[in-house]
Amino acid sequence: MAERGATIEVAEVAECCPSILATPLEVDDAAGLARGFAALADPVRLRVLSMLAAAPRGEVCVCDFVTPLGKAQPTVSHHLKVLVEAGLVHGERRGKWVWYSLDRVRLAGLRGALGA
């Protein structure tokens, strides 16, 4: 698995996620991709991903999403849960807070699935 903030090589993406434009998808592959793309189809979740991508240490505490997003903590938690369930982010509990980071391999897989 790639480290946080690491660049994912194109060959790695091609191995895990064939382009949907190159070959018909199997049912399970289509369902997995659809979960990922559905999670991305929300402006708040896209902002969360961009905040995580821009984070200097590659991770953000759940408490640090509330003010910039202008959403209540339960709403932020809901959006993070959707992203975790789609495999786009990972959460790590440290004491009473959860720190989130991107799953760059999963994101690269979604991007690669759209490639020709």
PDB file of N, CA and C in Angstrom:
ATOM      1  N   MET A   1       0.842  -1.180   0.000  1.00  0.00           N
ATOM      2  CA  MET A   1       0.000   0.000   0.000  1.00  0.00           C
ATOM      3  C   MET A   1       0.884   1.239   0.000  1.00  0.00           C
ATOM      4  N   ALA A   2       0.442   2.263  -0.663  1.00  0.00           N
ATOM      5  CA  ALA A   2       1.220   3.498  -0.757  1.00  0.00           C
ATOM      6  C   ALA A   2       1.126   4.289   0.538  1.00  0.00           C
ATOM      7  N   GLU A   3       2.186   5.051   0.826  1.00  0.00           N
ATOM      8  CA  GLU A   3       2.187   5.906   1.999  1.00  0.00           C
ATOM      9  C   GLU A   3       1.312   7.118   1.751  1.00  0.00           C
ATOM     10  N   ARG A   4       0.891   7.779   2.859  1.00  0.00           N
ATOM     11  CA  ARG A   4       0.113   9.011   2.728  1.00  0.00           C
ATOM     12  C   ARG A   4       0.887  10.017   1.911  1.00  0.00           C
ATOM     13  N   GLY A   5       0.195  10.662   0.998  1.00  0.00           N
ATOM     14  CA  GLY A   5       0.813  11.701   0.203  1.00  0.00           C
ATOM     15  C   GLY A   5       1.685  11.181  -0.932  1.00  0.00           C
ATOM     16  N   ALA A   6       1.828   9.854  -1.019  1.00  0.00           N
ATOM     17  CA  ALA A   6       2.680   9.279  -2.053  1.00  0.00           C
ATOM     18  C   ALA A   6       1.979   9.317  -3.400  1.00  0.00           C
ATOM     19  N   THR A   7       2.761   9.426  -4.432  1.00  0.00           N
ATOM     20  CA  THR A   7       2.228   9.370  -5.783  1.00  0.00           C
ATOM     21  C   THR A   7       1.968   7.914  -6.138  1.00  0.00           C
ATOM     22  N   ILE A   8       0.846   7.661  -6.775  1.00  0.00           N
ATOM     23  CA  ILE A   8       0.485   6.311  -7.198  1.00  0.00           C
ATOM     24  C   ILE A   8       0.886   6.156  -8.651  1.00  0.00           C
ATOM     25  N   GLU A   9       1.682   5.153  -8.942  1.00  0.00           N
ATOM     26  CA  GLU A   9       2.123   4.900 -10.308  1.00  0.00           C
ATOM     27  C   GLU A   9       0.947   4.414 -11.155  1.00  0.00           C
ATOM     28  N   VAL A  10       0.922   4.787 -12.402  1.00  0.00           N
ATOM     29  CA  VAL A  10      -0.151   4.406 -13.320  1.00  0.00           C
ATOM     30  C   VAL A  10      -0.266   2.893 -13.419  1.00  0.00           C
ATOM     31  N   ALA A  11       0.838   2.178 -13.428  1.00  0.00           N
ATOM     32  CA  ALA A  11       0.801   0.719 -13.517  1.00  0.00           C
ATOM     33  C   ALA A  11       0.051   0.118 -12.331  1.00  0.00           C
ATOM     34  N   GLU A  12       0.224   0.702 -11.128  1.00  0.00           N
ATOM     35  CA  GLU A  12      -0.479   0.202  -9.951  1.00  0.00           C
ATOM     36  C   GLU A  12      -1.984   0.364 -10.122  1.00  0.00           C
ATOM     37  N   VAL A  13      -2.422   1.492 -10.648  1.00  0.00           N
ATOM     38  CA  VAL A  13      -3.840   1.747 -10.847  1.00  0.00           C
ATOM     39  C   VAL A  13      -4.401   0.786 -11.881  1.00  0.00           C
ATOM     40  N   ALA A  14      -3.695   0.579 -12.965  1.00  0.00           N
ATOM     41  CA  ALA A  14      -4.171  -0.303 -14.026  1.00  0.00           C
ATOM     42  C   ALA A  14      -4.351  -1.733 -13.524  1.00  0.00           C
ATOM     43  N   GLU A  15      -3.477  -2.177 -12.626  1.00  0.00           N
ATOM     44  CA  GLU A  15      -3.577  -3.531 -12.091  1.00  0.00           C
ATOM     45  C   GLU A  15      -4.837  -3.719 -11.263  1.00  0.00           C
ATOM     46  N   CYS A  16      -5.209  -2.694 -10.461  1.00  0.00           N
ATOM     47  CA  CYS A  16      -6.338  -2.870  -9.554  1.00  0.00           C
ATOM     48  C   CYS A  16      -7.671  -2.482 -10.173  1.00  0.00           C
ATOM     49  N   CYS A  17      -7.662  -1.585 -11.116  1.00  0.00           N
ATOM     50  CA  CYS A  17      -8.907  -0.994 -11.580  1.00  0.00           C
ATOM     51  C   CYS A  17      -8.908  -0.785 -13.085  1.00  0.00           C
ATOM     52  N   PRO A  18      -9.343  -1.769 -13.859  1.00  0.00           N
ATOM     53  CA  PRO A  18      -9.347  -1.588 -15.305  1.00  0.00           C
ATOM     54  C   PRO A  18     -10.321  -0.488 -15.718  1.00  0.00           C
ATOM     55  N   SER A  19     -10.025   0.174 -16.808  1.00  0.00           N
ATOM     56  CA  SER A  19     -10.877   1.240 -17.306  1.00  0.00           C
ATOM     57  C   SER A  19     -12.248   0.694 -17.680  1.00  0.00           C
ATOM     58  N   ILE A  20     -13.288   1.436 -17.298  1.00  0.00           N
ATOM     59  CA  ILE A  20     -14.640   1.024 -17.668  1.00  0.00           C
ATOM     60  C   ILE A  20     -14.882   1.232 -19.157  1.00  0.00           C
ATOM     61  N   LEU A  21     -13.975   1.975 -19.798  1.00  0.00           N
ATOM     62  CA  LEU A  21     -14.106   2.230 -21.224  1.00  0.00           C
ATOM     63  C   LEU A  21     -13.385   1.184 -22.059  1.00  0.00           C
ATOM     64  N   ALA A  22     -12.584   0.332 -21.408  1.00  0.00           N
ATOM     65  CA  ALA A  22     -11.786  -0.644 -22.142  1.00  0.00           C
ATOM     66  C   ALA A  22     -12.428  -2.025 -22.185  1.00  0.00           C
ATOM     67  N   THR A  23     -13.195  -2.347 -21.176  1.00  0.00           N
ATOM     68  CA  THR A  23     -13.765  -3.690 -21.093  1.00  0.00           C
ATOM     69  C   THR A  23     -15.043  -3.648 -20.260  1.00  0.00           C
ATOM     70  N   PRO A  24     -16.003  -4.528 -20.545  1.00  0.00           N
ATOM     71  CA  PRO A  24     -17.221  -4.559 -19.720  1.00  0.00           C
ATOM     72  C   PRO A  24     -16.880  -4.910 -18.261  1.00  0.00           C
ATOM     73  N   LEU A  25     -17.563  -4.273 -17.336  1.00  0.00           N
ATOM     74  CA  LEU A  25     -17.318  -4.497 -15.912  1.00  0.00           C
ATOM     75  C   LEU A  25     -18.067  -5.714 -15.396  1.00  0.00           C
ATOM     76  N   GLU A  26     -17.442  -6.389 -14.440  1.00  0.00           N
ATOM     77  CA  GLU A  26     -18.134  -7.431 -13.695  1.00  0.00           C
ATOM     78  C   GLU A  26     -19.088  -6.743 -12.715  1.00  0.00           C
ATOM     79  N   VAL A  27     -20.084  -7.462 -12.226  1.00  0.00           N
ATOM     80  CA  VAL A  27     -21.097  -6.904 -11.333  1.00  0.00           C
ATOM     81  C   VAL A  27     -20.456  -6.314 -10.074  1.00  0.00           C
ATOM     82  N   ASP A  28     -19.566  -7.057  -9.431  1.00  0.00           N
ATOM     83  CA  ASP A  28     -18.938  -6.577  -8.191  1.00  0.00           C
ATOM     84  C   ASP A  28     -18.069  -5.339  -8.432  1.00  0.00           C
ATOM     85  N   ASP A  29     -17.351  -5.332  -9.546  1.00  0.00           N
ATOM     86  CA  ASP A  29     -16.514  -4.175  -9.871  1.00  0.00           C
ATOM     87  C   ASP A  29     -17.380  -2.930 -10.093  1.00  0.00           C
ATOM     88  N   ALA A  30     -18.475  -3.109 -10.807  1.00  0.00           N
ATOM     89  CA  ALA A  30     -19.381  -1.989 -11.069  1.00  0.00           C
ATOM     90  C   ALA A  30     -19.982  -1.464  -9.768  1.00  0.00           C
ATOM     91  N   ALA A  31     -20.355  -2.354  -8.868  1.00  0.00           N
ATOM     92  CA  ALA A  31     -20.933  -1.935  -7.587  1.00  0.00           C
ATOM     93  C   ALA A  31     -19.913  -1.164  -6.752  1.00  0.00           C
ATOM     94  N   GLY A  32     -18.684  -1.624  -6.732  1.00  0.00           N
ATOM     95  CA  GLY A  32     -17.637  -0.940  -5.974  1.00  0.00           C
ATOM     96  C   GLY A  32     -17.347   0.439  -6.529  1.00  0.00           C
ATOM     97  N   LEU A  33     -17.263   0.546  -7.837  1.00  0.00           N
ATOM     98  CA  LEU A  33     -17.031   1.853  -8.455  1.00  0.00           C
ATOM     99  C   LEU A  33     -18.212   2.787  -8.202  1.00  0.00           C
ATOM    100  N   ALA A  34     -19.418   2.257  -8.309  1.00  0.00           N
ATOM    101  CA  ALA A  34     -20.607   3.090  -8.093  1.00  0.00           C
ATOM    102  C   ALA A  34     -20.640   3.641  -6.672  1.00  0.00           C
ATOM    103  N   ARG A  35     -20.254   2.841  -5.674  1.00  0.00           N
ATOM    104  CA  ARG A  35     -20.202   3.336  -4.291  1.00  0.00           C
ATOM    105  C   ARG A  35     -19.227   4.505  -4.165  1.00  0.00           C
ATOM    106  N   GLY A  36     -18.079   4.362  -4.803  1.00  0.00           N
ATOM    107  CA  GLY A  36     -17.082   5.431  -4.752  1.00  0.00           C
ATOM    108  C   GLY A  36     -17.560   6.692  -5.434  1.00  0.00           C
ATOM    109  N   PHE A  37     -18.107   6.552  -6.640  1.00  0.00           N
ATOM    110  CA  PHE A  37     -18.570   7.733  -7.366  1.00  0.00           C
ATOM    111  C   PHE A  37     -19.779   8.371  -6.687  1.00  0.00           C
ATOM    112  N   ALA A  38     -20.667   7.580  -6.104  1.00  0.00           N
ATOM    113  CA  ALA A  38     -21.833   8.128  -5.398  1.00  0.00           C
ATOM    114  C   ALA A  38     -21.375   8.958  -4.194  1.00  0.00           C
ATOM    115  N   ALA A  39     -20.356   8.488  -3.503  1.00  0.00           N
ATOM    116  CA  ALA A  39     -19.842   9.233  -2.352  1.00  0.00           C
ATOM    117  C   ALA A  39     -19.249  10.570  -2.783  1.00  0.00           C
ATOM    118  N   LEU A  40     -18.736  10.634  -3.993  1.00  0.00           N
ATOM    119  CA  LEU A  40     -18.157  11.876  -4.506  1.00  0.00           C
ATOM    120  C   LEU A  40     -19.205  12.865  -5.008  1.00  0.00           C
ATOM    121  N   ALA A  41     -20.429  12.421  -5.143  1.00  0.00           N
ATOM    122  CA  ALA A  41     -21.482  13.240  -5.742  1.00  0.00           C
ATOM    123  C   ALA A  41     -22.155  14.163  -4.724  1.00  0.00           C
ATOM    124  N   ASP A  42     -21.359  14.778  -3.866  1.00  0.00           N
ATOM    125  CA  ASP A  42     -21.892  15.693  -2.872  1.00  0.00           C
ATOM    126  C   ASP A  42     -20.867  16.807  -2.639  1.00  0.00           C
ATOM    127  N   PRO A  43     -21.282  18.063  -2.676  1.00  0.00           N
ATOM    128  CA  PRO A  43     -20.328  19.160  -2.516  1.00  0.00           C
ATOM    129  C   PRO A  43     -19.583  19.152  -1.178  1.00  0.00           C
ATOM    130  N   VAL A  44     -20.263  18.777  -0.105  1.00  0.00           N
ATOM    131  CA  VAL A  44     -19.596  18.754   1.207  1.00  0.00           C
ATOM    132  C   VAL A  44     -18.509  17.689   1.215  1.00  0.00           C
ATOM    133  N   ARG A  45     -18.803  16.524   0.677  1.00  0.00           N
ATOM    134  CA  ARG A  45     -17.807  15.449   0.667  1.00  0.00           C
ATOM    135  C   ARG A  45     -16.636  15.791  -0.251  1.00  0.00           C
ATOM    136  N   LEU A  46     -16.898  16.485  -1.343  1.00  0.00           N
ATOM    137  CA  LEU A  46     -15.789  16.931  -2.197  1.00  0.00           C
ATOM    138  C   LEU A  46     -14.912  17.933  -1.455  1.00  0.00           C
ATOM    139  N   ARG A  47     -15.519  18.801  -0.672  1.00  0.00           N
ATOM    140  CA  ARG A  47     -14.730  19.749   0.136  1.00  0.00           C
ATOM    141  C   ARG A  47     -13.904  19.018   1.180  1.00  0.00           C
ATOM    142  N   VAL A  48     -14.482  17.993   1.801  1.00  0.00           N
ATOM    143  CA  VAL A  48     -13.735  17.192   2.780  1.00  0.00           C
ATOM    144  C   VAL A  48     -12.511  16.582   2.109  1.00  0.00           C
ATOM    145  N   LEU A  49     -12.703  15.982   0.936  1.00  0.00           N
ATOM    146  CA  LEU A  49     -11.574  15.383   0.224  1.00  0.00           C
ATOM    147  C   LEU A  49     -10.514  16.426  -0.106  1.00  0.00           C
ATOM    148  N   SER A  50     -10.936  17.612  -0.522  1.00  0.00           N
ATOM    149  CA  SER A  50      -9.950  18.636  -0.870  1.00  0.00           C
ATOM    150  C   SER A  50      -9.205  19.122   0.368  1.00  0.00           C
ATOM    151  N   MET A  51      -9.889  19.198   1.503  1.00  0.00           N
ATOM    152  CA  MET A  51      -9.228  19.575   2.754  1.00  0.00           C
ATOM    153  C   MET A  51      -8.198  18.527   3.165  1.00  0.00           C
ATOM    154  N   LEU A  52      -8.561  17.268   3.003  1.00  0.00           N
ATOM    155  CA  LEU A  52      -7.622  16.194   3.336  1.00  0.00           C
ATOM    156  C   LEU A  52      -6.426  16.213   2.396  1.00  0.00           C
ATOM    157  N   ALA A  53      -6.673  16.433   1.117  1.00  0.00           N
ATOM    158  CA  ALA A  53      -5.585  16.460   0.139  1.00  0.00           C
ATOM    159  C   ALA A  53      -4.630  17.615   0.408  1.00  0.00           C
ATOM    160  N   ALA A  54      -5.153  18.719   0.912  1.00  0.00           N
ATOM    161  CA  ALA A  54      -4.328  19.903   1.156  1.00  0.00           C
ATOM    162  C   ALA A  54      -3.681  19.921   2.540  1.00  0.00           C
ATOM    163  N   ALA A  55      -4.070  18.993   3.401  1.00  0.00           N
ATOM    164  CA  ALA A  55      -3.548  18.978   4.773  1.00  0.00           C
ATOM    165  C   ALA A  55      -2.043  18.729   4.764  1.00  0.00           C
ATOM    166  N   PRO A  56      -1.276  19.591   5.417  1.00  0.00           N
ATOM    167  CA  PRO A  56       0.193  19.453   5.411  1.00  0.00           C
ATOM    168  C   PRO A  56       0.686  18.093   5.898  1.00  0.00           C
ATOM    169  N   ARG A  57       0.012  17.528   6.900  1.00  0.00           N
ATOM    170  CA  ARG A  57       0.438  16.216   7.418  1.00  0.00           C
ATOM    171  C   ARG A  57      -0.365  15.069   6.805  1.00  0.00           C
ATOM    172  N   GLY A  58      -1.246  15.377   5.882  1.00  0.00           N
ATOM    173  CA  GLY A  58      -2.020  14.341   5.210  1.00  0.00           C
ATOM    174  C   GLY A  58      -3.189  13.816   6.010  1.00  0.00           C
ATOM    175  N   GLU A  59      -3.513  14.482   7.116  1.00  0.00           N
ATOM    176  CA  GLU A  59      -4.635  14.047   7.933  1.00  0.00           C
ATOM    177  C   GLU A  59      -5.263  15.256   8.616  1.00  0.00           C
ATOM    178  N   VAL A  60      -6.556  15.091   8.966  1.00  0.00           N
ATOM    179  CA  VAL A  60      -7.301  16.169   9.603  1.00  0.00           C
ATOM    180  C   VAL A  60      -8.145  15.559  10.717  1.00  0.00           C
ATOM    181  N   CYS A  61      -8.163  16.236  11.867  1.00  0.00           N
ATOM    182  CA  CYS A  61      -9.009  15.818  12.984  1.00  0.00           C
ATOM    183  C   CYS A  61     -10.465  16.134  12.645  1.00  0.00           C
ATOM    184  N   VAL A  62     -11.362  15.260  13.041  1.00  0.00           N
ATOM    185  CA  VAL A  62     -12.781  15.485  12.781  1.00  0.00           C
ATOM    186  C   VAL A  62     -13.230  16.844  13.307  1.00  0.00           C
ATOM    187  N   CYS A  63     -12.655  17.276  14.399  1.00  0.00           N
ATOM    188  CA  CYS A  63     -13.043  18.560  14.992  1.00  0.00           C
ATOM    189  C   CYS A  63     -12.688  19.740  14.097  1.00  0.00           C
ATOM    190  N   ASP A  64     -11.747  19.563  13.199  1.00  0.00           N
ATOM    191  CA  ASP A  64     -11.300  20.655  12.333  1.00  0.00           C
ATOM    192  C   ASP A  64     -12.106  20.799  11.040  1.00  0.00           C
ATOM    193  N   PHE A  65     -13.119  19.972  10.859  1.00  0.00           N
ATOM    194  CA  PHE A  65     -13.971  20.085   9.676  1.00  0.00           C
ATOM    195  C   PHE A  65     -15.186  20.983   9.919  1.00  0.00           C
ATOM    196  N   VAL A  66     -15.653  21.058  11.157  1.00  0.00           N
ATOM    197  CA  VAL A  66     -16.927  21.706  11.463  1.00  0.00           C
ATOM    198  C   VAL A  66     -16.965  23.168  11.012  1.00  0.00           C
ATOM    199  N   THR A  67     -16.040  23.972  11.448  1.00  0.00           N
ATOM    200  CA  THR A  67     -16.069  25.407  11.121  1.00  0.00           C
ATOM    201  C   THR A  67     -15.877  25.676   9.635  1.00  0.00           C
ATOM    202  N   PRO A  68     -14.844  25.116   8.993  1.00  0.00           N
ATOM    203  CA  PRO A  68     -14.675  25.419   7.563  1.00  0.00           C
ATOM    204  C   PRO A  68     -15.846  24.962   6.689  1.00  0.00           C
ATOM    205  N   LEU A  69     -16.470  23.853   7.076  1.00  0.00           N
ATOM    206  CA  LEU A  69     -17.584  23.351   6.282  1.00  0.00           C
ATOM    207  C   LEU A  69     -18.891  24.067   6.608  1.00  0.00           C
ATOM    208  N   GLY A  70     -18.949  24.716   7.784  1.00  0.00           N
ATOM    209  CA  GLY A  70     -20.178  25.394   8.182  1.00  0.00           C
ATOM    210  C   GLY A  70     -21.313  24.430   8.440  1.00  0.00           C
ATOM    211  N   LYS A  71     -20.976  23.243   8.900  1.00  0.00           N
ATOM    212  CA  LYS A  71     -21.963  22.198   9.168  1.00  0.00           C
ATOM    213  C   LYS A  71     -21.858  21.772  10.622  1.00  0.00           C
ATOM    214  N   ALA A  72     -22.953  21.276  11.168  1.00  0.00           N
ATOM    215  CA  ALA A  72     -22.953  20.756  12.533  1.00  0.00           C
ATOM    216  C   ALA A  72     -22.125  19.473  12.594  1.00  0.00           C
ATOM    217  N   GLN A  73     -21.596  19.189  13.780  1.00  0.00           N
ATOM    218  CA  GLN A  73     -20.742  18.014  13.947  1.00  0.00           C
ATOM    219  C   GLN A  73     -21.425  16.716  13.510  1.00  0.00           C
ATOM    220  N   PRO A  74     -22.722  16.484  13.830  1.00  0.00           N
ATOM    221  CA  PRO A  74     -23.357  15.244  13.349  1.00  0.00           C
ATOM    222  C   PRO A  74     -23.410  15.158  11.818  1.00  0.00           C
ATOM    223  N   THR A  75     -23.590  16.295  11.157  1.00  0.00           N
ATOM    224  CA  THR A  75     -23.612  16.309   9.696  1.00  0.00           C
ATOM    225  C   THR A  75     -22.234  15.989   9.135  1.00  0.00           C
ATOM    226  N   VAL A  76     -21.204  16.569   9.719  1.00  0.00           N
ATOM    227  CA  VAL A  76     -19.831  16.272   9.303  1.00  0.00           C
ATOM    228  C   VAL A  76     -19.540  14.786   9.497  1.00  0.00           C
ATOM    229  N   SER A  77     -19.935  14.250  10.640  1.00  0.00           N
ATOM    230  CA  SER A  77     -19.706  12.821  10.909  1.00  0.00           C
ATOM    231  C   SER A  77     -20.422  11.942   9.890  1.00  0.00           C
ATOM    232  N   HIS A  78     -21.625  12.336   9.505  1.00  0.00           N
ATOM    233  CA  HIS A  78     -22.356  11.570   8.484  1.00  0.00           C
ATOM    234  C   HIS A  78     -21.575  11.538   7.169  1.00  0.00           C
ATOM    235  N   HIS A  79     -21.101  12.700   6.730  1.00  0.00           N
ATOM    236  CA  HIS A  79     -20.365  12.759   5.471  1.00  0.00           C
ATOM    237  C   HIS A  79     -19.067  11.946   5.547  1.00  0.00           C
ATOM    238  N   LEU A  80     -18.388  12.020   6.664  1.00  0.00           N
ATOM    239  CA  LEU A  80     -17.159  11.228   6.827  1.00  0.00           C
ATOM    240  C   LEU A  80     -17.466   9.739   6.813  1.00  0.00           C
ATOM    241  N   LYS A  81     -18.580   9.352   7.426  1.00  0.00           N
ATOM    242  CA  LYS A  81     -18.982   7.937   7.426  1.00  0.00           C
ATOM    243  C   LYS A  81     -19.226   7.444   5.998  1.00  0.00           C
ATOM    244  N   VAL A  82     -19.880   8.260   5.185  1.00  0.00           N
ATOM    245  CA  VAL A  82     -20.125   7.888   3.784  1.00  0.00           C
ATOM    246  C   VAL A  82     -18.799   7.700   3.057  1.00  0.00           C
ATOM    247  N   LEU A  83     -17.861   8.608   3.277  1.00  0.00           N
ATOM    248  CA  LEU A  83     -16.553   8.504   2.622  1.00  0.00           C
ATOM    249  C   LEU A  83     -15.773   7.287   3.104  1.00  0.00           C
ATOM    250  N   VAL A  84     -15.860   6.983   4.386  1.00  0.00           N
ATOM    251  CA  VAL A  84     -15.187   5.784   4.924  1.00  0.00           C
ATOM    252  C   VAL A  84     -15.807   4.527   4.322  1.00  0.00           C
ATOM    253  N   GLU A  85     -17.126   4.454   4.303  1.00  0.00           N
ATOM    254  CA  GLU A  85     -17.809   3.271   3.753  1.00  0.00           C
ATOM    255  C   GLU A  85     -17.505   3.074   2.278  1.00  0.00           C
ATOM    256  N   ALA A  86     -17.250   4.149   1.552  1.00  0.00           N
ATOM    257  CA  ALA A  86     -16.894   4.061   0.138  1.00  0.00           C
ATOM    258  C   ALA A  86     -15.408   3.746  -0.050  1.00  0.00           C
ATOM    259  N   GLY A  87     -14.660   3.710   1.055  1.00  0.00           N
ATOM    260  CA  GLY A  87     -13.235   3.391   0.983  1.00  0.00           C
ATOM    261  C   GLY A  87     -12.366   4.549   0.530  1.00  0.00           C
ATOM    262  N   LEU A  88     -12.895   5.767   0.567  1.00  0.00           N
ATOM    263  CA  LEU A  88     -12.149   6.924   0.081  1.00  0.00           C
ATOM    264  C   LEU A  88     -11.291   7.577   1.154  1.00  0.00           C
ATOM    265  N   VAL A  89     -11.674   7.401   2.409  1.00  0.00           N
ATOM    266  CA  VAL A  89     -10.887   7.926   3.527  1.00  0.00           C
ATOM    267  C   VAL A  89     -10.807   6.871   4.621  1.00  0.00           C
ATOM    268  N   HIS A  90      -9.809   7.055   5.489  1.00  0.00           N
ATOM    269  CA  HIS A  90      -9.624   6.186   6.644  1.00  0.00           C
ATOM    270  C   HIS A  90      -9.675   7.045   7.887  1.00  0.00           C
ATOM    271  N   GLY A  91     -10.257   6.508   8.943  1.00  0.00           N
ATOM    272  CA  GLY A  91     -10.278   7.192  10.222  1.00  0.00           C
ATOM    273  C   GLY A  91      -9.470   6.419  11.246  1.00  0.00           C
ATOM    274  N   GLU A  92      -8.751   7.166  12.078  1.00  0.00           N
ATOM    275  CA  GLU A  92      -7.958   6.553  13.143  1.00  0.00           C
ATOM    276  C   GLU A  92      -8.278   7.274  14.449  1.00  0.00           C
ATOM    277  N   ARG A  93      -8.839   6.528  15.400  1.00  0.00           N
ATOM    278  CA  ARG A  93      -9.185   7.121  16.695  1.00  0.00           C
ATOM    279  C   ARG A  93      -7.925   7.315  17.528  1.00  0.00           C
ATOM    280  N   ARG A  94      -7.808   8.535  18.062  1.00  0.00           N
ATOM    281  CA  ARG A  94      -6.721   8.880  18.979  1.00  0.00           C
ATOM    282  C   ARG A  94      -7.365   9.598  20.160  1.00  0.00           C
ATOM    283  N   GLY A  95      -7.492   8.891  21.256  1.00  0.00           N
ATOM    284  CA  GLY A  95      -8.195   9.462  22.399  1.00  0.00           C
ATOM    285  C   GLY A  95      -9.662   9.639  22.056  1.00  0.00           C
ATOM    286  N   LYS A  96     -10.171  10.852  22.244  1.00  0.00           N
ATOM    287  CA  LYS A  96     -11.596  11.075  21.946  1.00  0.00           C
ATOM    288  C   LYS A  96     -11.842  11.579  20.529  1.00  0.00           C
ATOM    289  N   TRP A  97     -10.794  11.822  19.754  1.00  0.00           N
ATOM    290  CA  TRP A  97     -10.929  12.357  18.400  1.00  0.00           C
ATOM    291  C   TRP A  97     -10.564  11.308  17.359  1.00  0.00           C
ATOM    292  N   VAL A  98     -11.115  11.488  16.179  1.00  0.00           N
ATOM    293  CA  VAL A  98     -10.767  10.638  15.039  1.00  0.00           C
ATOM    294  C   VAL A  98     -10.064  11.515  14.004  1.00  0.00           C
ATOM    295  N   TRP A  99      -8.943  11.023  13.512  1.00  0.00           N
ATOM    296  CA  TRP A  99      -8.162  11.703  12.480  1.00  0.00           C
ATOM    297  C   TRP A  99      -8.406  10.989  11.163  1.00  0.00           C
ATOM    298  N   TYR A 100      -8.663  11.765  10.107  1.00  0.00           N
ATOM    299  CA  TYR A 100      -8.989  11.199   8.805  1.00  0.00           C
ATOM    300  C   TYR A 100      -7.887  11.484   7.798  1.00  0.00           C
ATOM    301  N   SER A 101      -7.704  10.523   6.890  1.00  0.00           N
ATOM    302  CA  SER A 101      -6.736  10.672   5.798  1.00  0.00           C
ATOM    303  C   SER A 101      -7.333  10.051   4.544  1.00  0.00           C
ATOM    304  N   LEU A 102      -6.817  10.481   3.401  1.00  0.00           N
ATOM    305  CA  LEU A 102      -7.281   9.958   2.112  1.00  0.00           C
ATOM    306  C   LEU A 102      -6.763   8.557   1.866  1.00  0.00           C
ATOM    307  N   ASP A 103      -7.552   7.770   1.162  1.00  0.00           N
ATOM    308  CA  ASP A 103      -7.050   6.516   0.605  1.00  0.00           C
ATOM    309  C   ASP A 103      -6.703   6.841  -0.845  1.00  0.00           C
ATOM    310  N   ARG A 104      -5.454   7.202  -1.057  1.00  0.00           N
ATOM    311  CA  ARG A 104      -5.022   7.661  -2.377  1.00  0.00           C
ATOM    312  C   ARG A 104      -5.071   6.554  -3.428  1.00  0.00           C
ATOM    313  N   VAL A 105      -4.911   5.314  -3.009  1.00  0.00           N
ATOM    314  CA  VAL A 105      -4.990   4.207  -3.954  1.00  0.00           C
ATOM    315  C   VAL A 105      -6.423   4.059  -4.465  1.00  0.00           C
ATOM    316  N   ARG A 106      -7.384   4.151  -3.556  1.00  0.00           N
ATOM    317  CA  ARG A 106      -8.798   4.045  -3.956  1.00  0.00           C
ATOM    318  C   ARG A 106      -9.185   5.203  -4.875  1.00  0.00           C
ATOM    319  N   LEU A 107      -8.751   6.416  -4.537  1.00  0.00           N
ATOM    320  CA  LEU A 107      -9.051   7.567  -5.394  1.00  0.00           C
ATOM    321  C   LEU A 107      -8.405   7.422  -6.765  1.00  0.00           C
ATOM    322  N   ALA A 108      -7.182   6.934  -6.788  1.00  0.00           N
ATOM    323  CA  ALA A 108      -6.504   6.711  -8.066  1.00  0.00           C
ATOM    324  C   ALA A 108      -7.238   5.638  -8.875  1.00  0.00           C
ATOM    325  N   GLY A 109      -7.785   4.651  -8.190  1.00  0.00           N
ATOM    326  CA  GLY A 109      -8.548   3.616  -8.878  1.00  0.00           C
ATOM    327  C   GLY A 109      -9.793   4.163  -9.542  1.00  0.00           C
ATOM    328  N   LEU A 110     -10.488   5.052  -8.836  1.00  0.00           N
ATOM    329  CA  LEU A 110     -11.666   5.674  -9.444  1.00  0.00           C
ATOM    330  C   LEU A 110     -11.274   6.520 -10.649  1.00  0.00           C
ATOM    331  N   ARG A 111     -10.218   7.290 -10.489  1.00  0.00           N
ATOM    332  CA  ARG A 111      -9.733   8.114 -11.603  1.00  0.00           C
ATOM    333  C   ARG A 111      -9.329   7.226 -12.781  1.00  0.00           C
ATOM    334  N   GLY A 112      -8.612   6.152 -12.481  1.00  0.00           N
ATOM    335  CA  GLY A 112      -8.150   5.245 -13.527  1.00  0.00           C
ATOM    336  C   GLY A 112      -9.288   4.514 -14.236  1.00  0.00           C
ATOM    337  N   ALA A 113     -10.375   4.269 -13.512  1.00  0.00           N
ATOM    338  CA  ALA A 113     -11.516   3.568 -14.111  1.00  0.00           C
ATOM    339  C   ALA A 113     -12.157   4.388 -15.215  1.00  0.00           C
ATOM    340  N   LEU A 114     -11.947   5.684 -15.191  1.00  0.00           N
ATOM    341  CA  LEU A 114     -12.514   6.549 -16.229  1.00  0.00           C
ATOM    342  C   LEU A 114     -11.574   6.739 -17.413  1.00  0.00           C
ATOM    343  N   GLY A 115     -10.348   6.259 -17.282  1.00  0.00           N
ATOM    344  CA  GLY A 115      -9.356   6.416 -18.357  1.00  0.00           C
ATOM    345  C   GLY A 115      -9.661   5.544 -19.546  1.00  0.00           C
ATOM    346  N   ALA A 116      -9.197   5.976 -20.687  1.00  0.00           N
ATOM    347  CA  ALA A 116      -9.427   5.213 -21.923  1.00  0.00           C
ATOM    348  C   ALA A 116      -8.387   4.151 -22.106  1.00  0.00           C
TER     349      ALA A 116
END
